[in-house]
Amino acid sequence: FVTVNDVSLRGLIPEELAQGFGFFQSKPSSALSPFALTADELGDAWKEGRIHLPLLVEYNGEFFGNADAGEMHFHFGDLIAHAARTRDLAAGTVIGSGTVSNEDMSRGSSCLAEKRMLEKIHEGAMKTPFMKVGDTIRIEMKDKNGNNLFGTIFQKVEKREV
């Protein structure tokens, strides 16, 4: 298991889809945590095909979310079985769980797009802006003793000259 930041460049998606190409420019590389663990290394946190620990997210150094990954709708067995219906899964295959979210909105979010949609539903408008140059994101998962299990994903948005 690893943590992943699956990045989308939302501003590019509409034009890209209109051109019929799909998600090429709008889906850059995903960031993976520096360390991977097996299910047995997760100890008591691994139950019922899920990791029962919070995914800690900071946006620009501020609390953004601590969603409990144990509340995933589908467990990893379901996800693997579903993926295997249409393809062989070789050693090294990476299967993402999707956004880690909870019904308890006080826990925050782990996805900027999800937070914006929740704002629209509950407040009538999206208030949280998309990331811009200089913004940072930090993602970690810690065990019950506070140990950082997978290491930290830390990313900063920088301008790229084309």
N, C-alpha and C. Protein backbone atom coordinates (compact mmCIF):
# COMPACT_ATOMS: atom_id res chain seq x y z
N PHE A 1 0.83 -1.17 0.00
CA PHE A 1 0.00 0.00 0.00
C PHE A 1 0.88 1.24 0.00
N VAL A 2 0.41 2.29 -0.65
CA VAL A 2 1.05 3.60 -0.68
C VAL A 2 -0.06 4.65 -0.61
N THR A 3 0.33 5.88 -0.35
CA THR A 3 -0.62 6.98 -0.54
C THR A 3 -0.32 7.60 -1.90
N VAL A 4 -1.35 8.15 -2.52
CA VAL A 4 -1.23 8.70 -3.87
C VAL A 4 -1.93 10.05 -3.92
N ASN A 5 -1.30 11.01 -4.59
CA ASN A 5 -1.99 12.25 -4.93
C ASN A 5 -2.25 12.21 -6.43
N ASP A 6 -3.49 11.93 -6.78
CA ASP A 6 -3.92 11.84 -8.18
C ASP A 6 -4.32 13.24 -8.63
N VAL A 7 -3.43 13.89 -9.38
CA VAL A 7 -3.60 15.29 -9.76
C VAL A 7 -4.41 15.42 -11.04
N SER A 8 -5.31 16.39 -11.05
CA SER A 8 -6.05 16.76 -12.27
C SER A 8 -5.89 18.26 -12.48
N LEU A 9 -5.63 18.65 -13.70
CA LEU A 9 -5.57 20.07 -14.06
C LEU A 9 -6.93 20.44 -14.61
N ARG A 10 -7.84 20.77 -13.69
CA ARG A 10 -9.26 20.96 -14.02
C ARG A 10 -9.49 22.04 -15.06
N GLY A 11 -8.65 23.04 -15.10
CA GLY A 11 -8.82 24.11 -16.08
C GLY A 11 -8.60 23.65 -17.51
N LEU A 12 -7.90 22.55 -17.69
CA LEU A 12 -7.62 22.03 -19.04
C LEU A 12 -8.64 21.00 -19.50
N ILE A 13 -9.40 20.43 -18.59
CA ILE A 13 -10.29 19.31 -18.93
C ILE A 13 -11.35 19.66 -19.97
N PRO A 14 -12.11 20.76 -19.83
CA PRO A 14 -13.17 21.02 -20.81
C PRO A 14 -12.66 21.12 -22.25
N GLU A 15 -11.58 21.86 -22.46
CA GLU A 15 -11.04 22.00 -23.82
C GLU A 15 -10.53 20.67 -24.36
N GLU A 16 -9.88 19.92 -23.50
CA GLU A 16 -9.35 18.63 -23.93
C GLU A 16 -10.46 17.66 -24.32
N LEU A 17 -11.50 17.61 -23.53
CA LEU A 17 -12.63 16.73 -23.85
C LEU A 17 -13.33 17.18 -25.12
N ALA A 18 -13.44 18.49 -25.32
CA ALA A 18 -14.08 19.02 -26.53
C ALA A 18 -13.31 18.64 -27.79
N GLN A 19 -12.00 18.48 -27.66
CA GLN A 19 -11.17 18.08 -28.80
C GLN A 19 -11.20 16.57 -29.04
N GLY A 20 -11.78 15.83 -28.10
CA GLY A 20 -11.92 14.39 -28.26
C GLY A 20 -10.71 13.57 -27.86
N PHE A 21 -9.71 14.21 -27.25
CA PHE A 21 -8.50 13.48 -26.88
C PHE A 21 -8.61 12.73 -25.57
N GLY A 22 -9.51 13.12 -24.70
CA GLY A 22 -9.55 12.53 -23.37
C GLY A 22 -8.56 13.24 -22.46
N PHE A 23 -8.21 12.59 -21.36
CA PHE A 23 -7.36 13.21 -20.34
C PHE A 23 -5.88 12.94 -20.61
N PHE A 24 -5.25 13.78 -21.41
CA PHE A 24 -3.81 13.67 -21.61
C PHE A 24 -3.07 14.79 -20.90
N GLN A 25 -3.31 16.02 -21.31
CA GLN A 25 -2.65 17.17 -20.69
C GLN A 25 -3.21 17.45 -19.30
N SER A 26 -4.47 17.11 -19.08
CA SER A 26 -5.12 17.44 -17.81
C SER A 26 -4.85 16.42 -16.70
N LYS A 27 -4.19 15.33 -17.01
CA LYS A 27 -3.85 14.32 -16.00
C LYS A 27 -2.33 14.10 -16.00
N PRO A 28 -1.60 14.98 -15.29
CA PRO A 28 -0.15 14.77 -15.21
C PRO A 28 0.16 13.56 -14.32
N SER A 29 1.41 13.33 -14.08
CA SER A 29 1.82 12.20 -13.24
C SER A 29 1.23 12.31 -11.85
N SER A 30 0.88 11.17 -11.29
CA SER A 30 0.43 11.11 -9.89
C SER A 30 1.66 11.00 -8.99
N ALA A 31 1.54 11.51 -7.78
CA ALA A 31 2.62 11.41 -6.80
C ALA A 31 2.34 10.24 -5.88
N LEU A 32 3.34 9.40 -5.68
CA LEU A 32 3.23 8.28 -4.75
C LEU A 32 4.12 8.55 -3.54
N SER A 33 3.67 8.08 -2.38
CA SER A 33 4.46 8.23 -1.16
C SER A 33 5.79 7.49 -1.32
N PRO A 34 6.79 7.90 -0.54
CA PRO A 34 8.12 7.29 -0.70
C PRO A 34 8.24 5.86 -0.18
N PHE A 35 7.28 5.40 0.64
CA PHE A 35 7.37 4.06 1.20
C PHE A 35 6.08 3.29 0.96
N ALA A 36 6.21 1.99 0.77
CA ALA A 36 5.06 1.09 0.60
C ALA A 36 5.06 0.09 1.75
N LEU A 37 3.86 -0.33 2.14
CA LEU A 37 3.71 -1.33 3.20
C LEU A 37 2.80 -2.45 2.71
N THR A 38 3.00 -3.63 3.25
CA THR A 38 2.09 -4.74 2.98
C THR A 38 0.99 -4.74 4.04
N ALA A 39 -0.08 -5.45 3.77
CA ALA A 39 -1.22 -5.47 4.70
C ALA A 39 -0.81 -5.92 6.10
N ASP A 40 0.06 -6.93 6.20
CA ASP A 40 0.46 -7.42 7.53
C ASP A 40 1.26 -6.37 8.30
N GLU A 41 1.96 -5.49 7.60
CA GLU A 41 2.73 -4.44 8.27
C GLU A 41 1.82 -3.35 8.86
N LEU A 42 0.57 -3.31 8.44
CA LEU A 42 -0.38 -2.33 8.96
C LEU A 42 -0.97 -2.76 10.31
N GLY A 43 -0.75 -4.01 10.68
CA GLY A 43 -1.22 -4.51 11.97
C GLY A 43 -2.73 -4.39 12.14
N ASP A 44 -3.16 -3.93 13.31
CA ASP A 44 -4.58 -3.82 13.64
C ASP A 44 -5.33 -2.83 12.75
N ALA A 45 -4.61 -1.95 12.07
CA ALA A 45 -5.27 -0.96 11.21
C ALA A 45 -5.85 -1.61 9.95
N TRP A 46 -5.38 -2.82 9.60
CA TRP A 46 -5.88 -3.52 8.41
C TRP A 46 -7.02 -4.44 8.83
N LYS A 47 -8.25 -4.06 8.46
CA LYS A 47 -9.44 -4.85 8.79
C LYS A 47 -10.42 -4.79 7.64
N GLU A 48 -11.02 -5.92 7.34
CA GLU A 48 -12.10 -5.99 6.35
C GLU A 48 -11.71 -5.38 5.01
N GLY A 49 -10.43 -5.57 4.62
CA GLY A 49 -9.98 -5.09 3.32
C GLY A 49 -9.77 -3.59 3.22
N ARG A 50 -9.69 -2.93 4.36
CA ARG A 50 -9.52 -1.48 4.39
C ARG A 50 -8.46 -1.10 5.43
N ILE A 51 -7.85 0.07 5.23
CA ILE A 51 -6.92 0.62 6.21
C ILE A 51 -7.72 1.57 7.10
N HIS A 52 -7.87 1.22 8.35
CA HIS A 52 -8.66 2.02 9.29
C HIS A 52 -7.78 3.05 9.99
N LEU A 53 -7.37 4.04 9.21
CA LEU A 53 -6.57 5.15 9.72
C LEU A 53 -6.96 6.43 8.97
N PRO A 54 -6.71 7.59 9.58
CA PRO A 54 -7.04 8.83 8.88
C PRO A 54 -5.99 9.20 7.84
N LEU A 55 -6.47 9.75 6.72
CA LEU A 55 -5.60 10.33 5.70
C LEU A 55 -5.53 11.82 6.01
N LEU A 56 -4.36 12.28 6.41
CA LEU A 56 -4.17 13.66 6.86
C LEU A 56 -3.76 14.53 5.68
N VAL A 57 -4.50 15.60 5.45
CA VAL A 57 -4.23 16.49 4.33
C VAL A 57 -4.16 17.93 4.83
N GLU A 58 -3.07 18.61 4.46
CA GLU A 58 -2.92 20.05 4.72
C GLU A 58 -2.83 20.76 3.38
N TYR A 59 -3.52 21.88 3.28
CA TYR A 59 -3.52 22.71 2.07
C TYR A 59 -2.97 24.07 2.48
N ASN A 60 -1.84 24.45 1.91
CA ASN A 60 -1.16 25.70 2.28
C ASN A 60 -0.91 25.78 3.79
N GLY A 61 -0.52 24.65 4.37
CA GLY A 61 -0.16 24.60 5.78
C GLY A 61 -1.32 24.57 6.75
N GLU A 62 -2.54 24.56 6.23
CA GLU A 62 -3.74 24.56 7.07
C GLU A 62 -4.46 23.21 6.97
N PHE A 63 -5.18 22.85 8.03
CA PHE A 63 -5.98 21.63 8.01
C PHE A 63 -6.93 21.64 6.82
N PHE A 64 -6.95 20.53 6.09
CA PHE A 64 -7.90 20.37 4.98
C PHE A 64 -8.78 19.15 5.22
N GLY A 65 -8.18 18.08 5.78
CA GLY A 65 -8.98 16.90 6.04
C GLY A 65 -8.22 15.83 6.80
N ASN A 66 -9.00 14.96 7.44
CA ASN A 66 -8.45 13.75 8.07
C ASN A 66 -9.47 12.63 7.91
N ALA A 67 -9.84 12.38 6.68
CA ALA A 67 -10.85 11.37 6.36
C ALA A 67 -10.38 9.98 6.79
N ASP A 68 -11.28 9.20 7.38
CA ASP A 68 -10.98 7.84 7.82
C ASP A 68 -11.06 6.90 6.63
N ALA A 69 -9.91 6.36 6.24
CA ALA A 69 -9.86 5.45 5.08
C ALA A 69 -10.66 4.17 5.32
N GLY A 70 -10.94 3.86 6.57
CA GLY A 70 -11.74 2.68 6.89
C GLY A 70 -13.19 2.80 6.44
N GLU A 71 -13.62 4.00 6.09
CA GLU A 71 -14.99 4.21 5.63
C GLU A 71 -15.13 4.15 4.11
N MET A 72 -14.09 3.66 3.43
CA MET A 72 -14.19 3.49 1.97
C MET A 72 -15.43 2.66 1.64
N HIS A 73 -16.13 3.03 0.59
CA HIS A 73 -17.33 2.30 0.20
C HIS A 73 -16.99 0.87 -0.22
N PHE A 74 -15.97 0.71 -1.06
CA PHE A 74 -15.54 -0.61 -1.53
C PHE A 74 -14.23 -0.97 -0.84
N HIS A 75 -14.09 -2.22 -0.41
CA HIS A 75 -12.80 -2.63 0.14
C HIS A 75 -11.87 -3.02 -1.01
N PHE A 76 -10.59 -3.17 -0.70
CA PHE A 76 -9.61 -3.42 -1.75
C PHE A 76 -9.87 -4.72 -2.50
N GLY A 77 -10.42 -5.72 -1.84
CA GLY A 77 -10.78 -6.96 -2.54
C GLY A 77 -11.79 -6.69 -3.64
N ASP A 78 -12.80 -5.86 -3.34
CA ASP A 78 -13.79 -5.47 -4.35
C ASP A 78 -13.12 -4.75 -5.52
N LEU A 79 -12.24 -3.81 -5.20
CA LEU A 79 -11.58 -3.02 -6.25
C LEU A 79 -10.71 -3.90 -7.15
N ILE A 80 -9.97 -4.81 -6.54
CA ILE A 80 -9.10 -5.70 -7.31
C ILE A 80 -9.93 -6.63 -8.18
N ALA A 81 -10.98 -7.21 -7.62
CA ALA A 81 -11.84 -8.11 -8.39
C ALA A 81 -12.48 -7.38 -9.56
N HIS A 82 -12.93 -6.16 -9.34
CA HIS A 82 -13.56 -5.39 -10.41
C HIS A 82 -12.55 -5.09 -11.52
N ALA A 83 -11.35 -4.67 -11.15
CA ALA A 83 -10.32 -4.38 -12.16
C ALA A 83 -9.94 -5.63 -12.94
N ALA A 84 -9.92 -6.78 -12.28
CA ALA A 84 -9.49 -8.04 -12.92
C ALA A 84 -10.53 -8.59 -13.90
N ARG A 85 -11.73 -8.04 -13.90
CA ARG A 85 -12.76 -8.52 -14.83
C ARG A 85 -12.36 -8.30 -16.29
N THR A 86 -11.60 -7.25 -16.57
CA THR A 86 -11.31 -6.90 -17.97
C THR A 86 -9.83 -6.90 -18.30
N ARG A 87 -8.98 -7.31 -17.37
CA ARG A 87 -7.54 -7.30 -17.66
C ARG A 87 -6.81 -8.21 -16.69
N ASP A 88 -5.63 -8.64 -17.10
CA ASP A 88 -4.75 -9.37 -16.20
C ASP A 88 -4.07 -8.37 -15.28
N LEU A 89 -3.94 -8.71 -14.03
CA LEU A 89 -3.25 -7.85 -13.06
C LEU A 89 -1.92 -8.49 -12.70
N ALA A 90 -0.86 -7.95 -13.26
CA ALA A 90 0.48 -8.48 -13.04
C ALA A 90 1.07 -7.90 -11.75
N ALA A 91 2.15 -8.51 -11.29
CA ALA A 91 2.86 -7.98 -10.13
C ALA A 91 3.23 -6.53 -10.41
N GLY A 92 3.04 -5.69 -9.42
CA GLY A 92 3.35 -4.27 -9.57
C GLY A 92 2.18 -3.41 -10.02
N THR A 93 1.04 -4.03 -10.32
CA THR A 93 -0.13 -3.27 -10.72
C THR A 93 -0.55 -2.35 -9.57
N VAL A 94 -0.82 -1.09 -9.88
CA VAL A 94 -1.27 -0.13 -8.88
C VAL A 94 -2.76 0.10 -9.06
N ILE A 95 -3.52 -0.08 -8.00
CA ILE A 95 -4.97 0.14 -8.03
C ILE A 95 -5.29 1.19 -6.98
N GLY A 96 -5.83 2.30 -7.43
CA GLY A 96 -6.19 3.38 -6.52
C GLY A 96 -7.58 3.17 -5.94
N SER A 97 -7.76 3.61 -4.71
CA SER A 97 -9.07 3.48 -4.05
C SER A 97 -10.02 4.59 -4.44
N GLY A 98 -9.50 5.63 -5.07
CA GLY A 98 -10.30 6.82 -5.32
C GLY A 98 -10.23 7.73 -4.11
N THR A 99 -10.98 8.79 -4.15
CA THR A 99 -10.97 9.78 -3.07
C THR A 99 -11.40 9.15 -1.75
N VAL A 100 -10.63 9.42 -0.70
CA VAL A 100 -11.01 8.98 0.64
C VAL A 100 -11.91 10.07 1.22
N SER A 101 -13.17 9.71 1.48
CA SER A 101 -14.11 10.70 2.00
C SER A 101 -14.99 10.06 3.07
N ASN A 102 -15.62 10.89 3.87
CA ASN A 102 -16.49 10.44 4.95
C ASN A 102 -17.81 11.19 4.91
N GLU A 103 -18.84 10.59 5.48
CA GLU A 103 -20.11 11.29 5.61
C GLU A 103 -20.01 12.43 6.61
N ASP A 104 -19.15 12.30 7.61
CA ASP A 104 -18.95 13.33 8.62
C ASP A 104 -18.12 14.46 8.03
N MET A 105 -18.78 15.54 7.63
CA MET A 105 -18.09 16.64 6.96
C MET A 105 -17.13 17.39 7.88
N SER A 106 -17.25 17.21 9.20
CA SER A 106 -16.33 17.89 10.11
C SER A 106 -14.91 17.35 9.97
N ARG A 107 -14.77 16.19 9.34
CA ARG A 107 -13.44 15.60 9.13
C ARG A 107 -12.71 16.25 7.96
N GLY A 108 -13.39 17.15 7.24
CA GLY A 108 -12.76 17.81 6.11
C GLY A 108 -12.78 16.93 4.88
N SER A 109 -11.90 17.25 3.94
CA SER A 109 -11.84 16.53 2.66
C SER A 109 -10.42 16.10 2.37
N SER A 110 -10.31 15.18 1.43
CA SER A 110 -8.99 14.79 0.93
C SER A 110 -8.87 15.11 -0.55
N CYS A 111 -9.88 15.80 -1.09
CA CYS A 111 -9.92 16.11 -2.52
C CYS A 111 -10.50 17.51 -2.71
N LEU A 112 -9.78 18.36 -3.40
CA LEU A 112 -10.22 19.73 -3.63
C LEU A 112 -11.51 19.78 -4.43
N ALA A 113 -11.64 18.96 -5.46
CA ALA A 113 -12.86 18.95 -6.28
C ALA A 113 -14.06 18.51 -5.44
N GLU A 114 -13.86 17.51 -4.57
CA GLU A 114 -14.95 17.07 -3.70
C GLU A 114 -15.38 18.18 -2.75
N LYS A 115 -14.42 18.87 -2.15
CA LYS A 115 -14.74 19.98 -1.24
C LYS A 115 -15.55 21.05 -1.96
N ARG A 116 -15.15 21.37 -3.19
CA ARG A 116 -15.88 22.39 -3.96
C ARG A 116 -17.32 21.95 -4.25
N MET A 117 -17.51 20.69 -4.58
CA MET A 117 -18.86 20.19 -4.84
C MET A 117 -19.71 20.21 -3.57
N LEU A 118 -19.12 19.83 -2.45
CA LEU A 118 -19.85 19.88 -1.18
C LEU A 118 -20.25 21.31 -0.82
N GLU A 119 -19.35 22.26 -1.10
CA GLU A 119 -19.69 23.67 -0.87
C GLU A 119 -20.87 24.10 -1.74
N LYS A 120 -20.86 23.67 -2.99
CA LYS A 120 -21.95 24.03 -3.90
C LYS A 120 -23.28 23.43 -3.42
N ILE A 121 -23.24 22.19 -2.99
CA ILE A 121 -24.46 21.51 -2.52
C ILE A 121 -24.99 22.15 -1.24
N HIS A 122 -24.10 22.40 -0.28
CA HIS A 122 -24.54 22.83 1.05
C HIS A 122 -24.58 24.34 1.24
N GLU A 123 -23.82 25.08 0.43
CA GLU A 123 -23.75 26.53 0.62
C GLU A 123 -24.18 27.31 -0.62
N GLY A 124 -24.46 26.60 -1.72
CA GLY A 124 -24.94 27.25 -2.93
C GLY A 124 -23.86 27.74 -3.87
N ALA A 125 -22.60 27.72 -3.44
CA ALA A 125 -21.51 28.18 -4.30
C ALA A 125 -20.20 27.54 -3.85
N MET A 126 -19.30 27.40 -4.81
CA MET A 126 -17.96 26.89 -4.51
C MET A 126 -17.11 28.05 -4.03
N LYS A 127 -16.57 27.93 -2.82
CA LYS A 127 -15.76 29.01 -2.24
C LYS A 127 -14.27 28.72 -2.32
N THR A 128 -13.90 27.47 -2.20
CA THR A 128 -12.48 27.10 -2.20
C THR A 128 -11.96 27.15 -3.63
N PRO A 129 -10.93 27.95 -3.88
CA PRO A 129 -10.40 28.03 -5.25
C PRO A 129 -9.56 26.80 -5.59
N PHE A 130 -9.39 26.57 -6.88
CA PHE A 130 -8.43 25.55 -7.30
C PHE A 130 -7.04 26.04 -6.95
N MET A 131 -6.09 25.13 -6.90
CA MET A 131 -4.72 25.48 -6.54
C MET A 131 -4.13 26.41 -7.60
N LYS A 132 -3.22 27.27 -7.14
CA LYS A 132 -2.53 28.20 -8.02
C LYS A 132 -1.04 28.19 -7.68
N VAL A 133 -0.25 28.87 -8.48
CA VAL A 133 1.19 28.92 -8.27
C VAL A 133 1.49 29.35 -6.83
N GLY A 134 2.34 28.58 -6.17
CA GLY A 134 2.73 28.84 -4.80
C GLY A 134 1.99 28.01 -3.77
N ASP A 135 0.83 27.46 -4.13
CA ASP A 135 0.05 26.65 -3.19
C ASP A 135 0.76 25.32 -2.92
N THR A 136 0.53 24.78 -1.72
CA THR A 136 1.14 23.50 -1.34
C THR A 136 0.08 22.53 -0.84
N ILE A 137 0.43 21.25 -0.95
CA ILE A 137 -0.41 20.17 -0.43
C ILE A 137 0.52 19.18 0.28
N ARG A 138 0.07 18.69 1.43
CA ARG A 138 0.83 17.72 2.22
C ARG A 138 -0.13 16.58 2.55
N ILE A 139 0.31 15.35 2.30
CA ILE A 139 -0.53 14.18 2.52
C ILE A 139 0.27 13.15 3.33
N GLU A 140 -0.33 12.66 4.42
CA GLU A 140 0.31 11.65 5.26
C GLU A 140 -0.75 10.73 5.84
N MET A 141 -0.30 9.56 6.26
CA MET A 141 -1.15 8.65 7.03
C MET A 141 -0.31 8.17 8.21
N LYS A 142 -0.82 8.41 9.41
CA LYS A 142 -0.08 8.04 10.62
C LYS A 142 -0.83 6.95 11.36
N ASP A 143 -0.05 6.08 12.03
CA ASP A 143 -0.68 5.02 12.83
C ASP A 143 -1.14 5.59 14.17
N LYS A 144 -1.70 4.73 15.01
CA LYS A 144 -2.27 5.19 16.29
C LYS A 144 -1.22 5.77 17.22
N ASN A 145 0.07 5.49 16.96
CA ASN A 145 1.15 6.03 17.77
C ASN A 145 1.77 7.29 17.16
N GLY A 146 1.22 7.75 16.04
CA GLY A 146 1.72 8.96 15.39
C GLY A 146 2.85 8.73 14.41
N ASN A 147 3.18 7.46 14.12
CA ASN A 147 4.25 7.17 13.16
C ASN A 147 3.74 7.38 11.74
N ASN A 148 4.52 8.08 10.94
CA ASN A 148 4.17 8.35 9.55
C ASN A 148 4.46 7.08 8.74
N LEU A 149 3.41 6.37 8.35
CA LEU A 149 3.56 5.03 7.77
C LEU A 149 4.18 5.01 6.38
N PHE A 150 3.73 5.90 5.50
CA PHE A 150 4.14 5.84 4.10
C PHE A 150 5.10 6.96 3.71
N GLY A 151 5.44 7.81 4.66
CA GLY A 151 6.22 9.00 4.35
C GLY A 151 5.27 10.10 3.87
N THR A 152 5.81 11.24 3.57
CA THR A 152 5.01 12.41 3.24
C THR A 152 5.04 12.70 1.75
N ILE A 153 3.86 12.98 1.20
CA ILE A 153 3.77 13.58 -0.13
C ILE A 153 3.66 15.08 0.12
N PHE A 154 4.61 15.84 -0.37
CA PHE A 154 4.56 17.30 -0.26
C PHE A 154 4.79 17.87 -1.65
N GLN A 155 3.84 18.64 -2.11
CA GLN A 155 3.95 19.22 -3.45
C GLN A 155 3.64 20.70 -3.41
N LYS A 156 4.33 21.44 -4.27
CA LYS A 156 4.12 22.88 -4.41
C LYS A 156 3.84 23.16 -5.88
N VAL A 157 2.81 23.96 -6.14
CA VAL A 157 2.48 24.33 -7.51
C VAL A 157 3.49 25.36 -7.98
N GLU A 158 4.15 25.06 -9.09
CA GLU A 158 5.12 25.98 -9.68
C GLU A 158 4.75 26.24 -11.12
N LYS A 159 5.09 27.42 -11.58
CA LYS A 159 4.82 27.79 -12.96
C LYS A 159 5.81 27.08 -13.87
N ARG A 160 5.29 26.54 -14.93
CA ARG A 160 6.15 25.85 -15.91
C ARG A 160 6.12 26.63 -17.21
N GLU A 161 7.28 26.97 -17.68
CA GLU A 161 7.38 27.66 -18.97
C GLU A 161 7.24 26.63 -20.08
N VAL A 162 6.37 26.93 -21.03
CA VAL A 162 6.12 25.99 -22.13
C VAL A 162 6.87 26.42 -23.36
